[in-house]
Every structure is written in structure tokens, then in C-alpha cells.
Amino acid sequence: MATVVAERKEFPLWIGGKPVKTDRLRTIRVPYDGTPVADVCEADEAIFERAVSGG
């Protein structure tokens, strides 16, 4: 079986057309073998409020 090595990337939130990085990250894994492939930023309550207010 061939082994594929994926580059693990970090993805910010997009609020008001601008990328927003946070300290809270969630790792996304391949369901097949659990290999981590990405880290995505998560919003806290303040960032959520900023996003829904158009901010």
C-alpha cells in the first residue's frame, strides 16, 4: 500500500472578508486512519459576536 504524506495546514476564520487567527484550534483528521491534515481556528463568544454583527 502506498503512503501519502499530506502537508498539515492551518486555516483561519474569515470575518468581514479578512482572515482571523485564534488560539483555539481543532485538528481535522482523515477518517480512514486518523492522520491529522489540518488545524482550523475556532471562535470564542467574542469572535462569534463580532462575526454576526458584521464586524
C-alpha atoms as a PDB file:
ATOM      1  CA  MET A   1       0.000   0.000   0.000  1.00  0.00           C
ATOM      2  CA  ALA A   2       1.333   3.447  -0.927  1.00  0.00           C
ATOM      3  CA  THR A   3       1.854   6.014   1.789  1.00  0.00           C
ATOM      4  CA  VAL A   4       0.718   9.565   1.141  1.00  0.00           C
ATOM      5  CA  VAL A   5       2.170  12.350   3.239  1.00  0.00           C
ATOM      6  CA  ALA A   6      -0.111  15.352   3.442  1.00  0.00           C
ATOM      7  CA  GLU A   7       1.106  18.760   4.474  1.00  0.00           C
ATOM      8  CA  ARG A   8      -0.788  19.824   7.586  1.00  0.00           C
ATOM      9  CA  LYS A   9      -2.195  23.329   7.155  1.00  0.00           C
ATOM     10  CA  GLU A  10      -3.783  25.866   9.476  1.00  0.00           C
ATOM     11  CA  PHE A  11      -6.966  27.632   8.385  1.00  0.00           C
ATOM     12  CA  PRO A  12      -8.191  30.888   9.922  1.00  0.00           C
ATOM     13  CA  LEU A  13     -11.757  32.052  10.349  1.00  0.00           C
ATOM     14  CA  TRP A  14     -12.995  34.539   7.746  1.00  0.00           C
ATOM     15  CA  ILE A  15     -14.847  37.505   9.230  1.00  0.00           C
ATOM     16  CA  GLY A  16     -15.762  40.532   7.164  1.00  0.00           C
ATOM     17  CA  GLY A  17     -13.639  39.235   4.285  1.00  0.00           C
ATOM     18  CA  LYS A  18     -10.486  39.092   6.435  1.00  0.00           C
ATOM     19  CA  PRO A  19      -8.671  36.102   7.934  1.00  0.00           C
ATOM     20  CA  VAL A  20      -8.802  35.907  11.732  1.00  0.00           C
ATOM     21  CA  LYS A  21      -6.492  33.545  13.611  1.00  0.00           C
ATOM     22  CA  THR A  22      -7.330  32.390  17.122  1.00  0.00           C
ATOM     23  CA  ASP A  23      -5.553  30.434  19.844  1.00  0.00           C
ATOM     24  CA  ARG A  24      -8.312  27.809  19.785  1.00  0.00           C
ATOM     25  CA  LEU A  25      -7.619  25.174  17.142  1.00  0.00           C
ATOM     26  CA  ARG A  26      -9.419  21.993  16.146  1.00  0.00           C
ATOM     27  CA  THR A  27      -7.446  19.270  14.406  1.00  0.00           C
ATOM     28  CA  ILE A  28      -9.125  17.709  11.376  1.00  0.00           C
ATOM     29  CA  ARG A  29      -8.212  14.073  10.787  1.00  0.00           C
ATOM     30  CA  VAL A  30      -8.626  11.630   7.917  1.00  0.00           C
ATOM     31  CA  PRO A  31     -11.434   9.234   8.947  1.00  0.00           C
ATOM     32  CA  TYR A  32      -9.616   6.234   7.471  1.00  0.00           C
ATOM     33  CA  ASP A  33      -6.524   6.273   9.666  1.00  0.00           C
ATOM     34  CA  GLY A  34      -6.735   9.332  11.929  1.00  0.00           C
ATOM     35  CA  THR A  35      -3.886  11.193  10.214  1.00  0.00           C
ATOM     36  CA  PRO A  36      -4.070  14.914  11.075  1.00  0.00           C
ATOM     37  CA  VAL A  37      -4.379  17.001   7.898  1.00  0.00           C
ATOM     38  CA  ALA A  38      -5.430  20.469   9.083  1.00  0.00           C
ATOM     39  CA  ASP A  39      -5.944  22.730  12.063  1.00  0.00           C
ATOM     40  CA  VAL A  40      -8.896  25.091  11.887  1.00  0.00           C
ATOM     41  CA  CYS A  41      -9.422  28.101  14.123  1.00  0.00           C
ATOM     42  CA  GLU A  42     -12.445  28.099  16.413  1.00  0.00           C
ATOM     43  CA  ALA A  43     -14.295  31.195  17.535  1.00  0.00           C
ATOM     44  CA  ASP A  44     -14.926  32.104  21.135  1.00  0.00           C
ATOM     45  CA  GLU A  45     -18.045  34.065  22.131  1.00  0.00           C
ATOM     46  CA  ALA A  46     -16.470  37.470  21.418  1.00  0.00           C
ATOM     47  CA  ILE A  47     -15.366  36.477  17.905  1.00  0.00           C
ATOM     48  CA  PHE A  48     -18.773  34.932  17.242  1.00  0.00           C
ATOM     49  CA  GLU A  49     -20.497  38.185  18.250  1.00  0.00           C
ATOM     50  CA  ARG A  50     -18.116  40.139  16.026  1.00  0.00           C
ATOM     51  CA  ALA A  51     -18.924  37.884  13.093  1.00  0.00           C
ATOM     52  CA  VAL A  52     -22.709  38.051  13.431  1.00  0.00           C
ATOM     53  CA  SER A  53     -22.647  41.808  13.933  1.00  0.00           C
ATOM     54  CA  GLY A  54     -20.883  42.230  10.585  1.00  0.00           C
ATOM     55  CA  GLY A  55     -17.640  43.057  12.113  1.00  0.00           C
END
